[in-house]
Protein backbone atom coordinates (compact mmCIF):
# COMPACT_ATOMS: atom_id res chain seq x y z
CA MET A 1 21.54 -15.33 -16.87
CA GLU A 2 21.47 -12.14 -18.92
CA ILE A 3 19.94 -11.44 -22.32
CA ASP A 4 20.02 -8.48 -24.67
CA ALA A 5 16.90 -6.30 -24.83
CA ARG A 6 16.73 -6.87 -28.59
CA LYS A 7 15.69 -10.49 -27.97
CA ILE A 8 12.27 -9.20 -26.86
CA LYS A 9 9.80 -9.17 -29.75
CA ILE A 10 6.84 -6.79 -29.46
CA PHE A 11 3.94 -6.94 -31.86
CA LYS A 12 0.51 -5.37 -32.32
CA ILE A 13 -2.34 -7.66 -31.30
CA ARG A 14 -4.76 -8.19 -34.17
CA ASN A 15 -8.44 -7.42 -33.45
CA ARG A 16 -7.58 -5.96 -30.02
CA ARG A 17 -6.15 -2.81 -28.55
CA GLY A 18 -2.61 -2.97 -27.32
CA TYR A 19 0.60 -4.87 -27.81
CA ALA A 20 2.09 -8.21 -26.81
CA ALA A 21 5.69 -9.20 -26.12
CA LEU A 22 7.33 -12.57 -26.60
CA CYS A 23 10.71 -13.67 -25.23
CA LEU A 24 12.06 -17.06 -24.08
CA ASN A 25 8.58 -18.66 -23.81
CA HIS A 26 7.17 -15.69 -21.88
CA LEU A 27 4.16 -13.83 -23.26
CA THR A 28 2.88 -10.54 -21.85
CA GLU A 29 0.30 -7.97 -22.96
CA GLY A 30 -0.10 -4.26 -22.39
CA LYS A 31 -1.93 -1.20 -23.65
CA THR A 32 1.22 0.70 -24.64
CA LEU A 33 4.68 -0.22 -25.85
CA PHE A 34 6.25 0.89 -22.57
CA GLU A 35 3.79 -1.05 -20.42
CA THR A 36 4.33 -4.19 -22.51
CA TYR A 37 8.12 -3.87 -22.27
CA GLU A 38 8.01 -3.31 -18.50
CA ARG A 39 5.76 -6.32 -17.95
CA MET A 40 8.13 -8.48 -19.99
CA THR A 41 11.18 -7.40 -18.01
CA LYS A 42 9.29 -8.16 -14.80
CA ALA A 43 8.30 -11.62 -16.05
CA LEU A 44 11.90 -12.34 -17.01
CA ARG A 45 13.16 -11.18 -13.61
CA ARG A 46 10.84 -13.69 -11.93
CA SER A 47 12.66 -16.41 -13.90
CA LYS A 48 16.04 -14.98 -12.81
CA ILE A 49 16.81 -13.57 -16.26
CA ASN A 50 18.15 -10.01 -16.40
CA VAL A 51 17.88 -7.69 -19.38
CA LYS A 52 21.40 -6.28 -19.65
CA SER A 53 20.78 -3.32 -21.94
CA THR A 54 18.07 -0.76 -22.51
CA VAL A 55 16.54 0.41 -25.75
CA SER A 56 16.34 4.13 -26.41
CA ASN A 57 13.41 3.74 -28.79
CA LEU A 58 10.96 0.91 -28.07
CA LYS A 59 9.67 1.03 -31.65
CA GLN A 60 12.88 -0.77 -32.63
CA LEU A 61 11.55 -3.90 -30.90
CA VAL A 62 8.22 -3.94 -32.76
CA THR A 63 7.99 -6.70 -35.37
CA SER A 64 5.31 -7.04 -37.99
CA SER A 65 5.23 -10.83 -37.67
CA ILE A 66 6.60 -13.49 -35.36
CA ALA A 67 9.40 -15.60 -36.80
């Protein structure tokens, strides 16, 4: 199965340093945007889900709230 990289939602963790990413019931945390994105792609790969595209600017994935 393949998904688009834009399905990954990254947000700033309140009251903590760092970011978290949410995608298809996977939740990962990291200190930087890049680390958070890489951990999410690794978690998805473990579930046999490939991210088919890359994002040139990771700030495009950052959301202010989770919908």
